[in-house]
């Protein structure tokens, strides 16, 4: 991305450089979306683990209370 931007600065805007920049921007956005999906999945896994721990604790507390 930096290389393309540097070429645009040095050589001016050409059709090929604009297309290359557009492709890089699209690729960057795709990677950002993939990363967002990854973090959502990781947070969901963590939430499921924590929920299981909480329910186990509550069940033990209820049994002891009875």
PDB file of N, CA and C in Angstrom:
ATOM      1  N   UNK A   1       0.833  -1.180   0.000  1.00  0.00           N
ATOM      2  CA  UNK A   1       0.000   0.000   0.000  1.00  0.00           C
ATOM      3  C   UNK A   1       0.885   1.253   0.000  1.00  0.00           C
ATOM      4  N   UNK A   2       1.898   1.229   0.836  1.00  0.00           N
ATOM      5  CA  UNK A   2       2.790   2.390   0.905  1.00  0.00           C
ATOM      6  C   UNK A   2       3.507   2.614  -0.425  1.00  0.00           C
ATOM      7  N   UNK A   3       3.902   1.492  -1.024  1.00  0.00           N
ATOM      8  CA  UNK A   3       4.634   1.582  -2.283  1.00  0.00           C
ATOM      9  C   UNK A   3       3.767   2.234  -3.363  1.00  0.00           C
ATOM     10  N   UNK A   4       2.501   1.827  -3.430  1.00  0.00           N
ATOM     11  CA  UNK A   4       1.581   2.387  -4.419  1.00  0.00           C
ATOM     12  C   UNK A   4       1.343   3.862  -4.131  1.00  0.00           C
ATOM     13  N   UNK A   5       1.142   4.198  -2.876  1.00  0.00           N
ATOM     14  CA  UNK A   5       0.924   5.611  -2.527  1.00  0.00           C
ATOM     15  C   UNK A   5       2.157   6.452  -2.865  1.00  0.00           C
ATOM     16  N   UNK A   6       3.332   5.885  -2.596  1.00  0.00           N
ATOM     17  CA  UNK A   6       4.563   6.614  -2.914  1.00  0.00           C
ATOM     18  C   UNK A   6       4.690   6.821  -4.419  1.00  0.00           C
ATOM     19  N   UNK A   7       4.318   5.812  -5.214  1.00  0.00           N
ATOM     20  CA  UNK A   7       4.355   5.955  -6.669  1.00  0.00           C
ATOM     21  C   UNK A   7       3.370   7.020  -7.132  1.00  0.00           C
ATOM     22  N   UNK A   8       2.199   7.052  -6.524  1.00  0.00           N
ATOM     23  CA  UNK A   8       1.202   8.078  -6.884  1.00  0.00           C
ATOM     24  C   UNK A   8       1.760   9.461  -6.594  1.00  0.00           C
ATOM     25  N   UNK A   9       2.430   9.604  -5.448  1.00  0.00           N
ATOM     26  CA  UNK A   9       3.016  10.898  -5.087  1.00  0.00           C
ATOM     27  C   UNK A   9       4.110  11.269  -6.083  1.00  0.00           C
ATOM     28  N   UNK A  10       4.972  10.305  -6.406  1.00  0.00           N
ATOM     29  CA  UNK A  10       6.105  10.587  -7.288  1.00  0.00           C
ATOM     30  C   UNK A  10       5.702  10.760  -8.752  1.00  0.00           C
ATOM     31  N   UNK A  11       4.837   9.881  -9.240  1.00  0.00           N
ATOM     32  CA  UNK A  11       4.527   9.850 -10.671  1.00  0.00           C
ATOM     33  C   UNK A  11       3.194  10.499 -11.024  1.00  0.00           C
ATOM     34  N   UNK A  12       2.377  10.760 -10.035  1.00  0.00           N
ATOM     35  CA  UNK A  12       1.041  11.286 -10.315  1.00  0.00           C
ATOM     36  C   UNK A  12       0.061  10.140 -10.481  1.00  0.00           C
ATOM     37  N   UNK A  13      -1.190  10.489 -10.575  1.00  0.00           N
ATOM     38  CA  UNK A  13      -2.234   9.463 -10.674  1.00  0.00           C
ATOM     39  C   UNK A  13      -2.328   8.938 -12.095  1.00  0.00           C
ATOM     40  N   UNK A  14      -2.144   7.638 -12.219  1.00  0.00           N
ATOM     41  CA  UNK A  14      -2.359   6.982 -13.502  1.00  0.00           C
ATOM     42  C   UNK A  14      -3.450   5.939 -13.297  1.00  0.00           C
ATOM     43  N   UNK A  15      -4.026   5.504 -14.387  1.00  0.00           N
ATOM     44  CA  UNK A  15      -5.122   4.544 -14.289  1.00  0.00           C
ATOM     45  C   UNK A  15      -4.675   3.255 -13.598  1.00  0.00           C
ATOM     46  N   UNK A  16      -3.498   2.762 -13.934  1.00  0.00           N
ATOM     47  CA  UNK A  16      -3.013   1.511 -13.339  1.00  0.00           C
ATOM     48  C   UNK A  16      -2.746   1.662 -11.842  1.00  0.00           C
ATOM     49  N   UNK A  17      -2.209   2.809 -11.433  1.00  0.00           N
ATOM     50  CA  UNK A  17      -1.949   3.024 -10.003  1.00  0.00           C
ATOM     51  C   UNK A  17      -3.251   3.176  -9.223  1.00  0.00           C
ATOM     52  N   UNK A  18      -4.226   3.831  -9.814  1.00  0.00           N
ATOM     53  CA  UNK A  18      -5.524   3.983  -9.157  1.00  0.00           C
ATOM     54  C   UNK A  18      -6.184   2.614  -8.990  1.00  0.00           C
ATOM     55  N   UNK A  19      -6.094   1.773 -10.023  1.00  0.00           N
ATOM     56  CA  UNK A  19      -6.658   0.420  -9.935  1.00  0.00           C
ATOM     57  C   UNK A  19      -5.931  -0.405  -8.873  1.00  0.00           C
ATOM     58  N   UNK A  20      -4.615  -0.303  -8.836  1.00  0.00           N
ATOM     59  CA  UNK A  20      -3.827  -1.034  -7.838  1.00  0.00           C
ATOM     60  C   UNK A  20      -4.193  -0.578  -6.430  1.00  0.00           C
ATOM     61  N   UNK A  21      -4.364   0.718  -6.259  1.00  0.00           N
ATOM     62  CA  UNK A  21      -4.744   1.260  -4.954  1.00  0.00           C
ATOM     63  C   UNK A  21      -6.130   0.747  -4.557  1.00  0.00           C
ATOM     64  N   UNK A  22      -7.050   0.730  -5.509  1.00  0.00           N
ATOM     65  CA  UNK A  22      -8.398   0.234  -5.241  1.00  0.00           C
ATOM     66  C   UNK A  22      -8.403  -1.228  -4.824  1.00  0.00           C
ATOM     67  N   UNK A  23      -7.603  -2.049  -5.492  1.00  0.00           N
ATOM     68  CA  UNK A  23      -7.508  -3.467  -5.142  1.00  0.00           C
ATOM     69  C   UNK A  23      -6.954  -3.653  -3.735  1.00  0.00           C
ATOM     70  N   UNK A  24      -5.946  -2.852  -3.421  1.00  0.00           N
ATOM     71  CA  UNK A  24      -5.356  -2.945  -2.083  1.00  0.00           C
ATOM     72  C   UNK A  24      -6.341  -2.514  -1.001  1.00  0.00           C
ATOM     73  N   UNK A  25      -7.099  -1.479  -1.284  1.00  0.00           N
ATOM     74  CA  UNK A  25      -8.101  -1.010  -0.320  1.00  0.00           C
ATOM     75  C   UNK A  25      -9.168  -2.089  -0.107  1.00  0.00           C
ATOM     76  N   UNK A  26      -9.606  -2.723  -1.203  1.00  0.00           N
ATOM     77  CA  UNK A  26     -10.597  -3.797  -1.081  1.00  0.00           C
ATOM     78  C   UNK A  26     -10.052  -4.974  -0.280  1.00  0.00           C
ATOM     79  N   UNK A  27      -8.802  -5.326  -0.532  1.00  0.00           N
ATOM     80  CA  UNK A  27      -8.166  -6.427   0.190  1.00  0.00           C
ATOM     81  C   UNK A  27      -8.045  -6.103   1.681  1.00  0.00           C
ATOM     82  N   UNK A  28      -7.693  -4.867   1.975  1.00  0.00           N
ATOM     83  CA  UNK A  28      -7.582  -4.430   3.358  1.00  0.00           C
ATOM     84  C   UNK A  28      -8.934  -4.501   4.065  1.00  0.00           C
ATOM     85  N   UNK A  29      -9.984  -4.085   3.402  1.00  0.00           N
ATOM     86  CA  UNK A  29     -11.326  -4.140   3.982  1.00  0.00           C
ATOM     87  C   UNK A  29     -11.755  -5.591   4.208  1.00  0.00           C
ATOM     88  N   UNK A  30     -11.426  -6.470   3.282  1.00  0.00           N
ATOM     89  CA  UNK A  30     -11.757  -7.889   3.428  1.00  0.00           C
ATOM     90  C   UNK A  30     -11.042  -8.481   4.643  1.00  0.00           C
ATOM     91  N   UNK A  31      -9.786  -8.137   4.804  1.00  0.00           N
ATOM     92  CA  UNK A  31      -9.017  -8.623   5.962  1.00  0.00           C
ATOM     93  C   UNK A  31      -9.597  -8.078   7.268  1.00  0.00           C
ATOM     94  N   UNK A  32     -10.025  -6.820   7.251  1.00  0.00           N
ATOM     95  CA  UNK A  32     -10.623  -6.224   8.448  1.00  0.00           C
ATOM     96  C   UNK A  32     -11.896  -6.971   8.834  1.00  0.00           C
ATOM     97  N   UNK A  33     -12.708  -7.321   7.846  1.00  0.00           N
ATOM     98  CA  UNK A  33     -13.938  -8.068   8.110  1.00  0.00           C
ATOM     99  C   UNK A  33     -13.629  -9.464   8.643  1.00  0.00           C
ATOM    100  N   UNK A  34     -12.603 -10.110   8.086  1.00  0.00           N
ATOM    101  CA  UNK A  34     -12.206 -11.435   8.567  1.00  0.00           C
ATOM    102  C   UNK A  34     -11.745 -11.361  10.021  1.00  0.00           C
ATOM    103  N   UNK A  35     -11.002 -10.318  10.345  1.00  0.00           N
ATOM    104  CA  UNK A  35     -10.522 -10.153  11.715  1.00  0.00           C
ATOM    105  C   UNK A  35     -11.694  -9.922  12.670  1.00  0.00           C
ATOM    106  N   UNK A  36     -12.668  -9.148  12.233  1.00  0.00           N
ATOM    107  CA  UNK A  36     -13.841  -8.892  13.055  1.00  0.00           C
ATOM    108  C   UNK A  36     -14.606 -10.193  13.326  1.00  0.00           C
ATOM    109  N   UNK A  37     -14.751 -11.033  12.307  1.00  0.00           N
ATOM    110  CA  UNK A  37     -15.415 -12.324  12.475  1.00  0.00           C
ATOM    111  C   UNK A  37     -14.640 -13.188  13.460  1.00  0.00           C
ATOM    112  N   UNK A  38     -13.322 -13.207  13.331  1.00  0.00           N
ATOM    113  CA  UNK A  38     -12.476 -13.980  14.236  1.00  0.00           C
ATOM    114  C   UNK A  38     -12.695 -13.562  15.685  1.00  0.00           C
ATOM    115  N   UNK A  39     -12.675 -12.243  15.955  1.00  0.00           N
ATOM    116  CA  UNK A  39     -12.834 -11.773  17.329  1.00  0.00           C
ATOM    117  C   UNK A  39     -14.239 -12.033  17.860  1.00  0.00           C
ATOM    118  N   UNK A  40     -15.249 -11.985  16.995  1.00  0.00           N
ATOM    119  CA  UNK A  40     -16.612 -12.327  17.432  1.00  0.00           C
ATOM    120  C   UNK A  40     -16.683 -13.786  17.852  1.00  0.00           C
ATOM    121  N   UNK A  41     -16.052 -14.657  17.051  1.00  0.00           N
ATOM    122  CA  UNK A  41     -16.058 -16.078  17.382  1.00  0.00           C
ATOM    123  C   UNK A  41     -15.310 -16.351  18.682  1.00  0.00           C
ATOM    124  N   UNK A  42     -14.171 -15.695  18.850  1.00  0.00           N
ATOM    125  CA  UNK A  42     -13.407 -15.888  20.086  1.00  0.00           C
ATOM    126  C   UNK A  42     -14.194 -15.405  21.298  1.00  0.00           C
ATOM    127  N   UNK A  43     -14.866 -14.277  21.174  1.00  0.00           N
ATOM    128  CA  UNK A  43     -15.642 -13.767  22.305  1.00  0.00           C
ATOM    129  C   UNK A  43     -16.825 -14.680  22.606  1.00  0.00           C
ATOM    130  N   UNK A  44     -17.415 -15.263  21.562  1.00  0.00           N
ATOM    131  CA  UNK A  44     -18.529 -16.200  21.759  1.00  0.00           C
ATOM    132  C   UNK A  44     -18.053 -17.449  22.500  1.00  0.00           C
ATOM    133  N   UNK A  45     -16.892 -17.953  22.124  1.00  0.00           N
ATOM    134  CA  UNK A  45     -16.335 -19.129  22.801  1.00  0.00           C
ATOM    135  C   UNK A  45     -16.080 -18.801  24.270  1.00  0.00           C
ATOM    136  N   UNK A  46     -15.500 -17.644  24.528  1.00  0.00           N
ATOM    137  CA  UNK A  46     -15.212 -17.252  25.904  1.00  0.00           C
ATOM    138  C   UNK A  46     -16.508 -17.097  26.696  1.00  0.00           C
ATOM    139  N   UNK A  47     -17.529 -16.516  26.082  1.00  0.00           N
ATOM    140  CA  UNK A  47     -18.812 -16.334  26.752  1.00  0.00           C
ATOM    141  C   UNK A  47     -19.414 -17.689  27.111  1.00  0.00           C
ATOM    142  N   UNK A  48     -19.336 -18.642  26.180  1.00  0.00           N
ATOM    143  CA  UNK A  48     -19.877 -19.978  26.460  1.00  0.00           C
ATOM    144  C   UNK A  48     -19.133 -20.643  27.614  1.00  0.00           C
ATOM    145  N   UNK A  49     -17.820 -20.491  27.653  1.00  0.00           N
ATOM    146  CA  UNK A  49     -17.040 -21.065  28.747  1.00  0.00           C
ATOM    147  C   UNK A  49     -17.420 -20.426  30.078  1.00  0.00           C
ATOM    148  N   UNK A  50     -17.518 -19.106  30.108  1.00  0.00           N
ATOM    149  CA  UNK A  50     -17.869 -18.400  31.342  1.00  0.00           C
ATOM    150  C   UNK A  50     -19.274 -18.753  31.797  1.00  0.00           C
ATOM    151  N   UNK A  51     -20.191 -18.876  30.863  1.00  0.00           N
ATOM    152  CA  UNK A  51     -21.571 -19.211  31.204  1.00  0.00           C
ATOM    153  C   UNK A  51     -21.619 -20.590  31.849  1.00  0.00           C
ATOM    154  N   UNK A  52     -20.847 -21.508  31.320  1.00  0.00           N
ATOM    155  CA  UNK A  52     -20.823 -22.865  31.882  1.00  0.00           C
ATOM    156  C   UNK A  52     -20.284 -22.829  33.312  1.00  0.00           C
ATOM    157  N   UNK A  53     -19.264 -22.064  33.538  1.00  0.00           N
ATOM    158  CA  UNK A  53     -18.715 -21.952  34.896  1.00  0.00           C
ATOM    159  C   UNK A  53     -19.743 -21.356  35.845  1.00  0.00           C
ATOM    160  N   UNK A  54     -20.448 -20.339  35.382  1.00  0.00           N
ATOM    161  CA  UNK A  54     -21.442 -19.696  36.243  1.00  0.00           C
ATOM    162  C   UNK A  54     -22.579 -20.652  36.582  1.00  0.00           C
ATOM    163  N   UNK A  55     -23.056 -21.398  35.604  1.00  0.00           N
ATOM    164  CA  UNK A  55     -24.167 -22.301  35.886  1.00  0.00           C
ATOM    165  C   UNK A  55     -23.721 -23.419  36.830  1.00  0.00           C
ATOM    166  N   UNK A  56     -22.505 -23.903  36.653  1.00  0.00           N
ATOM    167  CA  UNK A  56     -21.978 -24.935  37.544  1.00  0.00           C
ATOM    168  C   UNK A  56     -21.910 -24.400  38.971  1.00  0.00           C
ATOM    169  N   UNK A  57     -21.456 -23.189  39.140  1.00  0.00           N
ATOM    170  CA  UNK A  57     -21.370 -22.560  40.459  1.00  0.00           C
ATOM    171  C   UNK A  57     -22.763 -22.413  41.064  1.00  0.00           C
ATOM    172  N   UNK A  58     -23.705 -21.938  40.278  1.00  0.00           N
ATOM    173  CA  UNK A  58     -25.061 -21.734  40.791  1.00  0.00           C
ATOM    174  C   UNK A  58     -25.711 -23.052  41.193  1.00  0.00           C
ATOM    175  N   UNK A  59     -25.517 -24.089  40.407  1.00  0.00           N
ATOM    176  CA  UNK A  59     -26.092 -25.384  40.754  1.00  0.00           C
ATOM    177  C   UNK A  59     -25.512 -25.914  42.067  1.00  0.00           C
ATOM    178  N   UNK A  60     -24.211 -25.758  42.236  1.00  0.00           N
ATOM    179  CA  UNK A  60     -23.597 -26.191  43.483  1.00  0.00           C
ATOM    180  C   UNK A  60     -24.121 -25.393  44.667  1.00  0.00           C
ATOM    181  N   UNK A  61     -24.296 -24.088  44.466  1.00  0.00           N
ATOM    182  CA  UNK A  61     -24.803 -23.227  45.542  1.00  0.00           C
ATOM    183  C   UNK A  61     -26.230 -23.620  45.912  1.00  0.00           C
ATOM    184  N   UNK A  62     -27.058 -23.934  44.932  1.00  0.00           N
ATOM    185  CA  UNK A  62     -28.445 -24.322  45.202  1.00  0.00           C
ATOM    186  C   UNK A  62     -28.488 -25.656  45.934  1.00  0.00           C
ATOM    187  N   UNK A  63     -27.659 -26.603  45.521  1.00  0.00           N
ATOM    188  CA  UNK A  63     -27.614 -27.901  46.189  1.00  0.00           C
ATOM    189  C   UNK A  63     -27.197 -27.735  47.646  1.00  0.00           C
ATOM    190  N   UNK A  64     -26.183 -26.906  47.902  1.00  0.00           N
ATOM    191  CA  UNK A  64     -25.746 -26.674  49.268  1.00  0.00           C
ATOM    192  C   UNK A  64     -26.827 -25.976  50.076  1.00  0.00           C
ATOM    193  N   UNK A  65     -27.554 -25.081  49.457  1.00  0.00           N
ATOM    194  CA  UNK A  65     -28.622 -24.352  50.157  1.00  0.00           C
ATOM    195  C   UNK A  65     -29.721 -25.301  50.592  1.00  0.00           C
ATOM    196  N   UNK A  66     -30.063 -26.253  49.723  1.00  0.00           N
ATOM    197  CA  UNK A  66     -31.125 -27.211  50.050  1.00  0.00           C
ATOM    198  C   UNK A  66     -30.677 -28.093  51.210  1.00  0.00           C
TER     199      UNK A  66
END
